[in-house]
């Protein structure tokens, strides 16, 4: 894959905003960085055209092009909740209260009982 495309992807990932309301493993910018590293490993061959289309889509999202073309005046979401309420509902604390924290597999629990986690 081209170094030029890789540099453009890294540039976009660097500009992508971090979400303060999400844990790092749920943040899209972190996912994007990991996915770029995975896709641009030596030996991984992907279509140049597909990579360019995905890059263009990410640039459009980053620049809010759809919102600029189709502005809206909505002040609440589909459930009638305001932005602050939606952010509070999707926060890590609320997710834990609802039982939505990541589940630890039985194999990982067994492994951790034998090998303690590094700190």
Protein backbone atom coordinates (compact mmCIF):
# COMPACT_ATOMS: atom_id res chain seq x y z
CA UNK A 1 0.00 0.00 0.00
CA UNK A 2 1.18 3.52 -0.63
CA UNK A 3 3.03 5.55 1.98
CA UNK A 4 1.09 8.59 0.82
CA UNK A 5 -2.23 6.97 1.77
CA UNK A 6 -0.82 5.87 5.12
CA UNK A 7 0.31 9.42 5.90
CA UNK A 8 -3.12 10.79 5.00
CA UNK A 9 -4.84 8.24 7.26
CA UNK A 10 -2.48 9.10 10.14
CA UNK A 11 -3.15 12.81 9.60
CA UNK A 12 -6.91 12.25 9.82
CA UNK A 13 -6.55 10.04 12.90
CA UNK A 14 -4.51 12.78 14.55
CA UNK A 15 -7.23 15.36 13.88
CA UNK A 16 -10.06 13.10 15.06
CA UNK A 17 -11.53 14.43 18.33
CA UNK A 18 -11.25 12.37 21.51
CA UNK A 19 -14.53 11.59 23.25
CA UNK A 20 -14.21 12.55 26.91
CA UNK A 21 -17.37 10.63 27.80
CA UNK A 22 -16.13 7.25 26.58
CA UNK A 23 -13.50 4.86 27.83
CA UNK A 24 -10.44 4.64 25.56
CA UNK A 25 -11.48 1.21 24.28
CA UNK A 26 -14.85 2.68 23.16
CA UNK A 27 -13.43 5.84 21.59
CA UNK A 28 -13.51 5.96 17.79
CA UNK A 29 -10.21 7.82 17.48
CA UNK A 30 -8.39 5.01 19.31
CA UNK A 31 -10.17 2.41 17.16
CA UNK A 32 -9.16 4.33 14.05
CA UNK A 33 -5.48 4.39 15.01
CA UNK A 34 -5.48 0.64 15.74
CA UNK A 35 -7.29 -0.12 12.49
CA UNK A 36 -4.82 1.97 10.46
CA UNK A 37 -1.90 0.08 12.00
CA UNK A 38 -3.63 -3.23 11.30
CA UNK A 39 -4.47 -2.42 7.68
CA UNK A 40 -1.06 -0.98 6.80
CA UNK A 41 1.07 -3.81 8.15
CA UNK A 42 3.69 -5.22 5.79
CA UNK A 43 2.24 -8.09 3.80
CA UNK A 44 -1.38 -6.92 4.07
CA UNK A 45 -2.67 -6.09 0.61
CA UNK A 46 -5.80 -4.01 0.24
CA UNK A 47 -7.35 -2.38 -2.79
CA UNK A 48 -6.04 1.12 -3.48
CA UNK A 49 -9.47 2.26 -4.67
CA UNK A 50 -11.22 1.04 -1.51
CA UNK A 51 -8.62 2.73 0.70
CA UNK A 52 -9.09 6.01 -1.17
CA UNK A 53 -12.90 5.82 -0.85
CA UNK A 54 -12.63 5.13 2.89
CA UNK A 55 -10.18 8.00 3.27
CA UNK A 56 -12.56 10.33 1.47
CA UNK A 57 -15.45 9.20 3.71
CA UNK A 58 -13.40 9.82 6.86
CA UNK A 59 -12.46 13.29 5.59
CA UNK A 60 -16.13 14.08 4.95
CA UNK A 61 -17.04 12.96 8.47
CA UNK A 62 -14.20 14.93 10.01
CA UNK A 63 -15.18 18.10 8.13
CA UNK A 64 -18.93 17.71 8.92
CA UNK A 65 -19.76 18.03 5.23
CA UNK A 66 -23.18 16.37 5.52
CA UNK A 67 -24.17 18.62 8.42
CA UNK A 68 -23.08 21.66 6.42
CA UNK A 69 -25.14 20.57 3.40
CA UNK A 70 -28.17 19.53 5.47
CA UNK A 71 -28.28 21.60 8.67
CA UNK A 72 -30.85 20.73 11.30
CA UNK A 73 -32.29 22.50 14.31
CA UNK A 74 -33.04 19.47 16.45
CA UNK A 75 -32.46 20.02 20.14
CA UNK A 76 -33.24 16.49 21.26
CA UNK A 77 -32.68 12.95 20.10
CA UNK A 78 -35.09 10.24 19.05
CA UNK A 79 -36.00 9.58 22.70
CA UNK A 80 -36.65 13.26 23.43
CA UNK A 81 -33.51 13.54 25.56
CA UNK A 82 -31.19 16.54 25.43
CA UNK A 83 -27.50 16.17 24.54
CA UNK A 84 -26.32 16.43 28.15
CA UNK A 85 -28.78 13.70 29.19
CA UNK A 86 -27.67 11.44 26.33
CA UNK A 87 -24.01 11.94 27.26
CA UNK A 88 -24.76 11.12 30.89
CA UNK A 89 -26.72 8.02 29.86
CA UNK A 90 -23.88 6.75 27.68
CA UNK A 91 -21.12 7.52 30.20
CA UNK A 92 -18.99 4.72 31.61
CA UNK A 93 -20.61 5.09 35.04
CA UNK A 94 -24.12 4.68 33.61
CA UNK A 95 -23.02 1.73 31.50
CA UNK A 96 -21.69 -0.01 34.62
CA UNK A 97 -24.96 0.66 36.46
CA UNK A 98 -26.90 -0.89 33.57
CA UNK A 99 -24.60 -3.92 33.50
CA UNK A 100 -23.02 -3.01 30.16
CA UNK A 101 -19.39 -3.25 31.24
CA UNK A 102 -17.28 -5.66 29.24
CA UNK A 103 -17.74 -9.26 30.27
CA UNK A 104 -14.62 -11.18 31.25
CA UNK A 105 -14.56 -14.63 29.71
CA UNK A 106 -14.18 -17.71 31.88
CA UNK A 107 -10.83 -18.45 30.23
CA UNK A 108 -9.51 -15.01 31.08
CA UNK A 109 -10.72 -15.38 34.69
CA UNK A 110 -9.00 -18.76 34.96
CA UNK A 111 -5.83 -17.35 33.41
CA UNK A 112 -5.88 -14.36 35.78
CA UNK A 113 -6.30 -16.70 38.76
CA UNK A 114 -3.05 -18.42 37.76
CA UNK A 115 -1.14 -15.44 36.31
CA UNK A 116 -1.75 -12.14 38.11
CA UNK A 117 -2.34 -9.05 35.99
CA UNK A 118 0.66 -6.74 35.47
CA UNK A 119 0.41 -3.29 36.99
